[in-house]
Amino acid sequence: RVDSTGYFFGDEMLSAPEEGKWISYLAINPETGNEARKHTWMVRYD
């Protein structure tokens, strides 16, 4: 889980609490096929 800049966003994802958290990283937008900054809401449940 590393983006094209070398940012390892995996730890951020795995640290998501039950209250949730936002993380941002570069990823391919499936709508455009281009890389863009993605803002992801991560939440832990069960």
All heavy atoms as atom14 arrays in JSON, in Angstrom:
{
  "sequence": "RVDSTGYFFGDEMLSAPEEGKWISYLAINPETGNEARKHTWMVRYD",
  "atom14_mask": [
    [1, 1, 1, 1, 1, 1, 1, 1, 1, 1, 1, 0, 0, 0],
    [1, 1, 1, 1, 1, 1, 1, 0, 0, 0, 0, 0, 0, 0],
    [1, 1, 1, 1, 1, 1, 1, 1, 0, 0, 0, 0, 0, 0],
    [1, 1, 1, 1, 1, 1, 0, 0, 0, 0, 0, 0, 0, 0],
    [1, 1, 1, 1, 1, 1, 1, 0, 0, 0, 0, 0, 0, 0],
    [1, 1, 1, 1, 0, 0, 0, 0, 0, 0, 0, 0, 0, 0],
    [1, 1, 1, 1, 1, 1, 1, 1, 1, 1, 1, 1, 0, 0],
    [1, 1, 1, 1, 1, 1, 1, 1, 1, 1, 1, 0, 0, 0],
    [1, 1, 1, 1, 1, 1, 1, 1, 1, 1, 1, 0, 0, 0],
    [1, 1, 1, 1, 0, 0, 0, 0, 0, 0, 0, 0, 0, 0],
    [1, 1, 1, 1, 1, 1, 1, 1, 0, 0, 0, 0, 0, 0],
    [1, 1, 1, 1, 1, 1, 1, 1, 1, 0, 0, 0, 0, 0],
    [1, 1, 1, 1, 1, 1, 1, 1, 0, 0, 0, 0, 0, 0],
    [1, 1, 1, 1, 1, 1, 1, 1, 0, 0, 0, 0, 0, 0],
    [1, 1, 1, 1, 1, 1, 0, 0, 0, 0, 0, 0, 0, 0],
    [1, 1, 1, 1, 1, 0, 0, 0, 0, 0, 0, 0, 0, 0],
    [1, 1, 1, 1, 1, 1, 1, 0, 0, 0, 0, 0, 0, 0],
    [1, 1, 1, 1, 1, 1, 1, 1, 1, 0, 0, 0, 0, 0],
    [1, 1, 1, 1, 1, 1, 1, 1, 1, 0, 0, 0, 0, 0],
    [1, 1, 1, 1, 0, 0, 0, 0, 0, 0, 0, 0, 0, 0],
    [1, 1, 1, 1, 1, 1, 1, 1, 1, 0, 0, 0, 0, 0],
    [1, 1, 1, 1, 1, 1, 1, 1, 1, 1, 1, 1, 1, 1],
    [1, 1, 1, 1, 1, 1, 1, 1, 0, 0, 0, 0, 0, 0],
    [1, 1, 1, 1, 1, 1, 0, 0, 0, 0, 0, 0, 0, 0],
    [1, 1, 1, 1, 1, 1, 1, 1, 1, 1, 1, 1, 0, 0],
    [1, 1, 1, 1, 1, 1, 1, 1, 0, 0, 0, 0, 0, 0],
    [1, 1, 1, 1, 1, 0, 0, 0, 0, 0, 0, 0, 0, 0],
    [1, 1, 1, 1, 1, 1, 1, 1, 0, 0, 0, 0, 0, 0],
    [1, 1, 1, 1, 1, 1, 1, 1, 0, 0, 0, 0, 0, 0],
    [1, 1, 1, 1, 1, 1, 1, 0, 0, 0, 0, 0, 0, 0],
    [1, 1, 1, 1, 1, 1, 1, 1, 1, 0, 0, 0, 0, 0],
    [1, 1, 1, 1, 1, 1, 1, 0, 0, 0, 0, 0, 0, 0],
    [1, 1, 1, 1, 0, 0, 0, 0, 0, 0, 0, 0, 0, 0],
    [1, 1, 1, 1, 1, 1, 1, 1, 0, 0, 0, 0, 0, 0],
    [1, 1, 1, 1, 1, 1, 1, 1, 1, 0, 0, 0, 0, 0],
    [1, 1, 1, 1, 1, 0, 0, 0, 0, 0, 0, 0, 0, 0],
    [1, 1, 1, 1, 1, 1, 1, 1, 1, 1, 1, 0, 0, 0],
    [1, 1, 1, 1, 1, 1, 1, 1, 1, 0, 0, 0, 0, 0],
    [1, 1, 1, 1, 1, 1, 1, 1, 1, 1, 0, 0, 0, 0],
    [1, 1, 1, 1, 1, 1, 1, 0, 0, 0, 0, 0, 0, 0],
    [1, 1, 1, 1, 1, 1, 1, 1, 1, 1, 1, 1, 1, 1],
    [1, 1, 1, 1, 1, 1, 1, 1, 0, 0, 0, 0, 0, 0],
    [1, 1, 1, 1, 1, 1, 1, 0, 0, 0, 0, 0, 0, 0],
    [1, 1, 1, 1, 1, 1, 1, 1, 1, 1, 1, 0, 0, 0],
    [1, 1, 1, 1, 1, 1, 1, 1, 1, 1, 1, 1, 0, 0],
    [1, 1, 1, 1, 1, 1, 1, 1, 0, 0, 0, 0, 0, 0]
  ],
  "atom14_positions": [
    [[0.84, -1.2, 0.0], [0.0, 0.0, 0.0], [0.88, 1.25, 0.0], [0.99, 1.96, 0.99], [-0.95, -0.01, 1.19], [-2.03, -1.04, 1.06], [-3.13, -0.83, 2.07], [-4.12, -1.86, 1.91], [-4.24, -2.91, 2.74], [-3.47, -3.03, 3.79], [-5.16, -3.82, 2.51], [0.0, 0.0, 0.0], [0.0, 0.0, 0.0], [0.0, 0.0, 0.0]],
    [[1.49, 1.48, -1.15], [2.39, 2.61, -1.35], [1.93, 3.33, -2.61], [1.65, 2.7, -3.62], [3.85, 2.13, -1.54], [4.78, 3.3, -1.78], [4.3, 1.32, -0.34], [0.0, 0.0, 0.0], [0.0, 0.0, 0.0], [0.0, 0.0, 0.0], [0.0, 0.0, 0.0], [0.0, 0.0, 0.0], [0.0, 0.0, 0.0], [0.0, 0.0, 0.0]],
    [[1.83, 4.67, -2.54], [1.42, 5.39, -3.75], [2.63, 5.74, -4.61], [3.77, 5.39, -4.27], [0.54, 6.6, -3.42], [1.27, 7.78, -2.78], [2.52, 7.8, -2.78], [0.58, 8.69, -2.29], [0.0, 0.0, 0.0], [0.0, 0.0, 0.0], [0.0, 0.0, 0.0], [0.0, 0.0, 0.0], [0.0, 0.0, 0.0], [0.0, 0.0, 0.0]],
    [[2.41, 6.42, -5.71], [3.48, 6.69, -6.68], [4.54, 7.65, -6.15], [5.62, 7.75, -6.71], [2.9, 7.24, -7.98], [2.29, 8.49, -7.75], [0.0, 0.0, 0.0], [0.0, 0.0, 0.0], [0.0, 0.0, 0.0], [0.0, 0.0, 0.0], [0.0, 0.0, 0.0], [0.0, 0.0, 0.0], [0.0, 0.0, 0.0], [0.0, 0.0, 0.0]],
    [[4.26, 8.35, -5.05], [5.25, 9.24, -4.45], [6.12, 8.51, -3.43], [7.04, 9.09, -2.87], [4.59, 10.44, -3.74], [3.89, 9.96, -2.58], [3.65, 11.2, -4.66], [0.0, 0.0, 0.0], [0.0, 0.0, 0.0], [0.0, 0.0, 0.0], [0.0, 0.0, 0.0], [0.0, 0.0, 0.0], [0.0, 0.0, 0.0], [0.0, 0.0, 0.0]],
    [[5.78, 7.24, -3.15], [6.49, 6.47, -2.14], [5.84, 6.54, -0.78], [6.33, 5.93, 0.18], [0.0, 0.0, 0.0], [0.0, 0.0, 0.0], [0.0, 0.0, 0.0], [0.0, 0.0, 0.0], [0.0, 0.0, 0.0], [0.0, 0.0, 0.0], [0.0, 0.0, 0.0], [0.0, 0.0, 0.0], [0.0, 0.0, 0.0], [0.0, 0.0, 0.0]],
    [[4.72, 7.25, -0.66], [4.01, 7.35, 0.62], [3.36, 6.01, 0.96], [2.54, 5.5, 0.21], [2.97, 8.46, 0.56], [2.05, 8.5, 1.76], [2.55, 8.69, 3.04], [0.68, 8.36, 1.6], [1.71, 8.72, 4.14], [-0.17, 8.4, 2.69], [0.35, 8.57, 3.96], [-0.49, 8.6, 5.04], [0.0, 0.0, 0.0], [0.0, 0.0, 0.0]],
    [[3.73, 5.45, 2.1], [3.13, 4.19, 2.57], [1.89, 4.55, 3.38], [1.98, 5.02, 4.5], [4.13, 3.4, 3.42], [3.54, 2.14, 3.98], [3.21, 1.09, 3.14], [3.3, 2.01, 5.33], [2.65, -0.07, 3.64], [2.74, 0.85, 5.84], [2.42, -0.19, 5.0], [0.0, 0.0, 0.0], [0.0, 0.0, 0.0], [0.0, 0.0, 0.0]],
    [[0.72, 4.33, 2.78], [-0.54, 4.69, 3.42], [-1.18, 3.51, 4.14], [-2.22, 3.65, 4.79], [-1.52, 5.31, 2.42], [-1.83, 4.46, 1.23], [-2.87, 3.56, 1.24], [-1.05, 4.57, 0.08], [-3.15, 2.78, 0.13], [-1.33, 3.79, -1.03], [-2.38, 2.89, -1.01], [0.0, 0.0, 0.0], [0.0, 0.0, 0.0], [0.0, 0.0, 0.0]],
    [[-0.55, 2.35, 4.08], [-1.11, 1.15, 4.71], [-1.29, 1.29, 6.21], [-2.33, 0.88, 6.75], [0.0, 0.0, 0.0], [0.0, 0.0, 0.0], [0.0, 0.0, 0.0], [0.0, 0.0, 0.0], [0.0, 0.0, 0.0], [0.0, 0.0, 0.0], [0.0, 0.0, 0.0], [0.0, 0.0, 0.0], [0.0, 0.0, 0.0], [0.0, 0.0, 0.0]],
    [[-0.3, 1.85, 6.9], [-0.42, 2.0, 8.35], [-1.58, 2.92, 8.71], [-2.27, 2.7, 9.71], [0.87, 2.54, 8.95], [1.97, 1.51, 8.99], [1.68, 0.3, 8.84], [3.14, 1.91, 9.17], [0.0, 0.0, 0.0], [0.0, 0.0, 0.0], [0.0, 0.0, 0.0], [0.0, 0.0, 0.0], [0.0, 0.0, 0.0], [0.0, 0.0, 0.0]],
    [[-1.79, 3.96, 7.91], [-2.91, 4.87, 8.15], [-4.24, 4.12, 8.05], [-5.14, 4.3, 8.87], [-2.89, 6.04, 7.18], [-1.78, 7.02, 7.42], [-1.96, 7.78, 8.72], [-3.09, 8.22, 9.04], [-0.96, 7.94, 9.43], [0.0, 0.0, 0.0], [0.0, 0.0, 0.0], [0.0, 0.0, 0.0], [0.0, 0.0, 0.0], [0.0, 0.0, 0.0]],
    [[-4.36, 3.28, 7.02], [-5.59, 2.5, 6.86], [-5.81, 1.57, 8.05], [-6.92, 1.49, 8.59], [-5.55, 1.69, 5.57], [-5.7, 2.49, 4.33], [-5.74, 1.42, 2.89], [-6.39, 2.55, 1.68], [0.0, 0.0, 0.0], [0.0, 0.0, 0.0], [0.0, 0.0, 0.0], [0.0, 0.0, 0.0], [0.0, 0.0, 0.0], [0.0, 0.0, 0.0]],
    [[-4.77, 0.87, 8.43], [-4.9, -0.12, 9.5], [-5.11, 0.5, 10.87], [-5.56, -0.18, 11.79], [-3.68, -1.04, 9.51], [-3.51, -1.89, 8.26], [-2.27, -2.76, 8.37], [-4.74, -2.75, 7.98], [0.0, 0.0, 0.0], [0.0, 0.0, 0.0], [0.0, 0.0, 0.0], [0.0, 0.0, 0.0], [0.0, 0.0, 0.0], [0.0, 0.0, 0.0]],
    [[-4.84, 1.79, 11.01], [-5.04, 2.46, 12.3], [-6.43, 3.07, 12.43], [-6.71, 3.75, 13.42], [-3.97, 3.54, 12.51], [-4.2, 4.64, 11.66], [0.0, 0.0, 0.0], [0.0, 0.0, 0.0], [0.0, 0.0, 0.0], [0.0, 0.0, 0.0], [0.0, 0.0, 0.0], [0.0, 0.0, 0.0], [0.0, 0.0, 0.0], [0.0, 0.0, 0.0]],
    [[-7.3, 2.82, 11.47], [-8.65, 3.41, 11.52], [-9.4, 2.92, 12.76], [-9.48, 1.71, 13.01], [-9.44, 3.03, 10.26], [0.0, 0.0, 0.0], [0.0, 0.0, 0.0], [0.0, 0.0, 0.0], [0.0, 0.0, 0.0], [0.0, 0.0, 0.0], [0.0, 0.0, 0.0], [0.0, 0.0, 0.0], [0.0, 0.0, 0.0], [0.0, 0.0, 0.0]],
    [[-9.95, 3.84, 13.53], [-10.73, 3.46, 14.71], [-12.21, 3.26, 14.37], [-12.63, 3.5, 13.24], [-10.55, 4.69, 15.62], [-10.48, 5.84, 14.65], [-9.76, 5.29, 13.45], [0.0, 0.0, 0.0], [0.0, 0.0, 0.0], [0.0, 0.0, 0.0], [0.0, 0.0, 0.0], [0.0, 0.0, 0.0], [0.0, 0.0, 0.0], [0.0, 0.0, 0.0]],
    [[-12.98, 2.86, 15.35], [-14.43, 2.71, 15.16], [-15.09, 4.04, 14.83], [-16.12, 4.06, 14.17], [-15.07, 2.09, 16.41], [-14.7, 0.64, 16.6], [-15.38, 0.0, 17.8], [-16.18, 0.67, 18.48], [-15.09, -1.17, 18.07], [0.0, 0.0, 0.0], [0.0, 0.0, 0.0], [0.0, 0.0, 0.0], [0.0, 0.0, 0.0], [0.0, 0.0, 0.0]],
    [[-14.49, 5.13, 15.29], [-15.04, 6.47, 15.0], [-14.73, 6.9, 13.57], [-15.3, 7.85, 13.08], [-14.46, 7.5, 15.97], [-14.8, 7.25, 17.41], [-13.9, 6.19, 18.06], [-12.78, 5.96, 17.58], [-14.36, 5.57, 19.03], [0.0, 0.0, 0.0], [0.0, 0.0, 0.0], [0.0, 0.0, 0.0], [0.0, 0.0, 0.0], [0.0, 0.0, 0.0]],
    [[-13.78, 6.22, 12.93], [-13.4, 6.52, 11.56], [-12.34, 7.6, 11.48], [-12.06, 8.31, 12.44], [0.0, 0.0, 0.0], [0.0, 0.0, 0.0], [0.0, 0.0, 0.0], [0.0, 0.0, 0.0], [0.0, 0.0, 0.0], [0.0, 0.0, 0.0], [0.0, 0.0, 0.0], [0.0, 0.0, 0.0], [0.0, 0.0, 0.0], [0.0, 0.0, 0.0]],
    [[-11.71, 7.69, 10.3], [-10.71, 8.73, 10.04], [-10.54, 8.9, 8.55], [-10.79, 7.98, 7.77], [-9.38, 8.39, 10.7], [-8.64, 7.24, 10.04], [-7.37, 6.85, 10.78], [-6.2, 7.68, 10.41], [-4.94, 7.23, 11.0], [0.0, 0.0, 0.0], [0.0, 0.0, 0.0], [0.0, 0.0, 0.0], [0.0, 0.0, 0.0], [0.0, 0.0, 0.0]],
    [[-10.13, 10.09, 8.13], [-9.83, 10.4, 6.74], [-8.35, 10.16, 6.49], [-7.52, 10.53, 7.33], [-10.14, 11.85, 6.41], [-11.59, 12.15, 6.25], [-12.4, 12.75, 7.15], [-12.4, 11.87, 5.1], [-13.67, 12.86, 6.64], [-13.69, 12.33, 5.37], [-12.14, 11.27, 3.86], [-14.74, 12.21, 4.47], [-13.19, 11.15, 2.96], [-14.47, 11.62, 3.26]],
    [[-8.02, 9.57, 5.35], [-6.64, 9.49, 4.9], [-6.6, 9.9, 3.42], [-7.61, 9.78, 2.72], [-6.0, 8.11, 5.12], [-6.66, 7.05, 4.24], [-6.05, 7.7, 6.56], [-5.87, 5.77, 4.18], [0.0, 0.0, 0.0], [0.0, 0.0, 0.0], [0.0, 0.0, 0.0], [0.0, 0.0, 0.0], [0.0, 0.0, 0.0], [0.0, 0.0, 0.0]],
    [[-5.46, 10.39, 2.98], [-5.31, 10.82, 1.58], [-4.04, 10.22, 0.99], [-3.02, 10.12, 1.67], [-5.23, 12.34, 1.51], [-6.42, 12.92, 1.97], [0.0, 0.0, 0.0], [0.0, 0.0, 0.0], [0.0, 0.0, 0.0], [0.0, 0.0, 0.0], [0.0, 0.0, 0.0], [0.0, 0.0, 0.0], [0.0, 0.0, 0.0], [0.0, 0.0, 0.0]],
    [[-4.13, 9.83, -0.27], [-3.02, 9.24, -1.0], [-3.33, 9.31, -2.49], [-4.45, 9.63, -2.87], [-2.79, 7.78, -0.55], [-4.05, 6.94, -0.6], [-4.34, 6.15, -1.71], [-4.95, 6.94, 0.45], [-5.49, 5.39, -1.77], [-6.11, 6.18, 0.4], [-6.38, 5.41, -0.71], [-7.52, 4.66, -0.77], [0.0, 0.0, 0.0], [0.0, 0.0, 0.0]],
    [[-2.35, 9.02, -3.33], [-2.57, 9.01, -4.77], [-3.03, 7.62, -5.21], [-2.5, 6.61, -4.76], [-1.3, 9.38, -5.51], [-0.81, 10.81, -5.29], [0.51, 11.03, -6.03], [-1.84, 11.82, -5.74], [0.0, 0.0, 0.0], [0.0, 0.0, 0.0], [0.0, 0.0, 0.0], [0.0, 0.0, 0.0], [0.0, 0.0, 0.0], [0.0, 0.0, 0.0]],
    [[-4.03, 7.59, -6.1], [-4.56, 6.33, -6.62], [-5.17, 6.59, -8.0], [-5.41, 7.73, -8.39], [-5.61, 5.76, -5.68], [0.0, 0.0, 0.0], [0.0, 0.0, 0.0], [0.0, 0.0, 0.0], [0.0, 0.0, 0.0], [0.0, 0.0, 0.0], [0.0, 0.0, 0.0], [0.0, 0.0, 0.0], [0.0, 0.0, 0.0], [0.0, 0.0, 0.0]],
    [[-5.42, 5.52, -8.72], [-6.06, 5.63, -10.03], [-7.56, 5.78, -9.86], [-8.22, 4.94, -9.24], [-5.75, 4.39, -10.91], [-4.24, 4.22, -11.11], [-6.49, 4.47, -12.25], [-3.58, 5.38, -11.86], [0.0, 0.0, 0.0], [0.0, 0.0, 0.0], [0.0, 0.0, 0.0], [0.0, 0.0, 0.0], [0.0, 0.0, 0.0], [0.0, 0.0, 0.0]],
    [[-8.1, 6.85, -10.4], [-9.54, 7.1, -10.38], [-10.18, 6.18, -11.42], [-9.87, 6.28, -12.61], [-9.8, 8.57, -10.7], [-11.27, 8.93, -10.7], [-12.13, 8.11, -10.92], [-11.53, 10.21, -10.45], [0.0, 0.0, 0.0], [0.0, 0.0, 0.0], [0.0, 0.0, 0.0], [0.0, 0.0, 0.0], [0.0, 0.0, 0.0], [0.0, 0.0, 0.0]],
    [[-11.07, 5.27, -11.01], [-11.66, 4.34, -11.97], [-12.54, 5.02, -13.01], [-12.76, 4.48, -14.09], [-12.47, 3.37, -11.11], [-12.74, 4.12, -9.85], [-11.57, 5.04, -9.66], [0.0, 0.0, 0.0], [0.0, 0.0, 0.0], [0.0, 0.0, 0.0], [0.0, 0.0, 0.0], [0.0, 0.0, 0.0], [0.0, 0.0, 0.0], [0.0, 0.0, 0.0]],
    [[-13.01, 6.21, -12.71], [-13.86, 6.94, -13.65], [-13.05, 7.54, -14.8], [-13.49, 7.54, -15.94], [-14.63, 8.03, -12.91], [-15.68, 8.73, -13.74], [-16.54, 9.63, -12.9], [-16.02, 10.35, -12.01], [-17.76, 9.62, -13.13], [0.0, 0.0, 0.0], [0.0, 0.0, 0.0], [0.0, 0.0, 0.0], [0.0, 0.0, 0.0], [0.0, 0.0, 0.0]],
    [[-11.83, 8.02, -14.49], [-11.02, 8.69, -15.51], [-9.83, 7.86, -15.99], [-9.3, 8.12, -17.06], [-10.46, 10.02, -14.96], [-9.52, 9.73, -13.91], [-11.56, 10.93, -14.45], [0.0, 0.0, 0.0], [0.0, 0.0, 0.0], [0.0, 0.0, 0.0], [0.0, 0.0, 0.0], [0.0, 0.0, 0.0], [0.0, 0.0, 0.0], [0.0, 0.0, 0.0]],
    [[-9.4, 6.91, -15.17], [-8.2, 6.13, -15.49], [-6.91, 6.86, -15.19], [-5.83, 6.35, -15.45], [0.0, 0.0, 0.0], [0.0, 0.0, 0.0], [0.0, 0.0, 0.0], [0.0, 0.0, 0.0], [0.0, 0.0, 0.0], [0.0, 0.0, 0.0], [0.0, 0.0, 0.0], [0.0, 0.0, 0.0], [0.0, 0.0, 0.0], [0.0, 0.0, 0.0]],
    [[-7.01, 8.05, -14.61], [-5.85, 8.87, -14.27], [-5.57, 8.84, -12.78], [-6.5, 8.69, -11.97], [-6.07, 10.32, -14.7], [-6.22, 10.45, -16.19], [-5.55, 9.77, -16.96], [-7.12, 11.32, -16.62], [0.0, 0.0, 0.0], [0.0, 0.0, 0.0], [0.0, 0.0, 0.0], [0.0, 0.0, 0.0], [0.0, 0.0, 0.0], [0.0, 0.0, 0.0]],
    [[-4.32, 9.03, -12.43], [-3.96, 9.12, -11.02], [-4.42, 10.46, -10.46], [-4.32, 11.5, -11.12], [-2.45, 8.99, -10.87], [-2.01, 8.96, -9.43], [-0.53, 8.74, -9.28], [0.25, 9.64, -9.65], [-0.15, 7.66, -8.79], [0.0, 0.0, 0.0], [0.0, 0.0, 0.0], [0.0, 0.0, 0.0], [0.0, 0.0, 0.0], [0.0, 0.0, 0.0]],
    [[-4.96, 10.42, -9.24], [-5.42, 11.63, -8.58], [-5.34, 11.42, -7.07], [-5.25, 10.29, -6.6], [-6.87, 11.94, -8.98], [0.0, 0.0, 0.0], [0.0, 0.0, 0.0], [0.0, 0.0, 0.0], [0.0, 0.0, 0.0], [0.0, 0.0, 0.0], [0.0, 0.0, 0.0], [0.0, 0.0, 0.0], [0.0, 0.0, 0.0], [0.0, 0.0, 0.0]],
    [[-5.38, 12.52, -6.33], [-5.4, 12.42, -4.87], [-6.76, 11.88, -4.46], [-7.8, 12.39, -4.86], [-5.14, 13.77, -4.22], [-5.27, 13.67, -2.72], [-4.25, 14.44, -1.93], [-2.89, 14.42, -2.38], [-1.95, 13.54, -1.97], [-2.26, 12.57, -1.14], [-0.72, 13.64, -2.41], [0.0, 0.0, 0.0], [0.0, 0.0, 0.0], [0.0, 0.0, 0.0]],
    [[-6.74, 10.81, -3.64], [-7.97, 10.21, -3.14], [-8.07, 10.5, -1.65], [-7.09, 10.38, -0.91], [-7.96, 8.7, -3.36], [-9.25, 8.06, -2.88], [-9.31, 6.59, -3.19], [-10.67, 6.06, -2.76], [-10.78, 4.62, -2.97], [0.0, 0.0, 0.0], [0.0, 0.0, 0.0], [0.0, 0.0, 0.0], [0.0, 0.0, 0.0], [0.0, 0.0, 0.0]],
    [[-9.25, 10.9, -1.23], [-9.56, 11.15, 0.18], [-10.52, 10.04, 0.61], [-11.64, 9.95, 0.09], [-10.19, 12.52, 0.36], [-9.32, 13.62, -0.16], [-8.26, 14.13, 0.56], [-9.31, 14.27, -1.36], [-7.66, 15.06, -0.15], [-8.28, 15.16, -1.32], [0.0, 0.0, 0.0], [0.0, 0.0, 0.0], [0.0, 0.0, 0.0], [0.0, 0.0, 0.0]],
    [[-10.05, 9.18, 1.51], [-10.79, 7.98, 1.87], [-11.2, 8.0, 3.33], [-10.38, 8.26, 4.21], [-9.93, 6.73, 1.62], [-9.54, 6.71, 0.24], [-10.68, 5.45, 1.93], [0.0, 0.0, 0.0], [0.0, 0.0, 0.0], [0.0, 0.0, 0.0], [0.0, 0.0, 0.0], [0.0, 0.0, 0.0], [0.0, 0.0, 0.0], [0.0, 0.0, 0.0]],
    [[-12.48, 7.73, 3.58], [-12.99, 7.57, 4.94], [-12.84, 6.1, 5.3], [-13.35, 5.22, 4.6], [-14.45, 8.0, 5.02], [-15.04, 7.86, 6.38], [-15.97, 6.96, 6.79], [-14.73, 8.66, 7.53], [-16.26, 7.15, 8.12], [-15.5, 8.18, 8.59], [-13.86, 9.72, 7.76], [-15.45, 8.74, 9.86], [-13.81, 10.28, 9.03], [-14.6, 9.78, 10.06]],
    [[-12.1, 5.83, 6.38], [-11.86, 4.47, 6.84], [-12.52, 4.32, 8.2], [-12.38, 5.19, 9.07], [-10.35, 4.21, 6.98], [-9.52, 4.47, 5.74], [-9.82, 3.34, 4.38], [-9.44, 1.77, 5.1], [0.0, 0.0, 0.0], [0.0, 0.0, 0.0], [0.0, 0.0, 0.0], [0.0, 0.0, 0.0], [0.0, 0.0, 0.0], [0.0, 0.0, 0.0]],
    [[-13.21, 3.2, 8.4], [-13.87, 2.96, 9.69], [-13.75, 1.48, 10.03], [-13.88, 0.62, 9.16], [-15.34, 3.43, 9.65], [-16.15, 2.66, 8.63], [-15.97, 3.36, 11.02], [0.0, 0.0, 0.0], [0.0, 0.0, 0.0], [0.0, 0.0, 0.0], [0.0, 0.0, 0.0], [0.0, 0.0, 0.0], [0.0, 0.0, 0.0], [0.0, 0.0, 0.0]],
    [[-13.45, 1.21, 11.3], [-13.32, -0.17, 11.79], [-14.67, -0.6, 12.35], [-15.3, 0.13, 13.12], [-12.25, -0.22, 12.88], [-11.95, -1.62, 13.39], [-10.85, -1.57, 14.43], [-9.61, -1.04, 13.84], [-8.69, -1.77, 13.22], [-8.87, -3.07, 13.08], [-7.6, -1.22, 12.73], [0.0, 0.0, 0.0], [0.0, 0.0, 0.0], [0.0, 0.0, 0.0]],
    [[-15.09, -1.81, 11.98], [-16.35, -2.35, 12.48], [-16.25, -3.87, 12.53], [-15.96, -4.51, 11.51], [-17.53, -1.93, 11.59], [-18.84, -2.48, 12.08], [-19.49, -1.92, 13.17], [-19.41, -3.59, 11.48], [-20.68, -2.44, 13.64], [-20.6, -4.11, 11.94], [-21.23, -3.54, 13.02], [-22.41, -4.06, 13.48], [0.0, 0.0, 0.0], [0.0, 0.0, 0.0]],
    [[-16.47, -4.43, 13.7], [-16.54, -5.88, 13.89], [-15.3, -6.6, 13.33], [-15.41, -7.62, 12.67], [-17.83, -6.43, 13.26], [-18.21, -7.8, 13.81], [-17.81, -8.13, 14.94], [-18.89, -8.55, 13.08], [0.0, 0.0, 0.0], [0.0, 0.0, 0.0], [0.0, 0.0, 0.0], [0.0, 0.0, 0.0], [0.0, 0.0, 0.0], [0.0, 0.0, 0.0]]
  ]
}
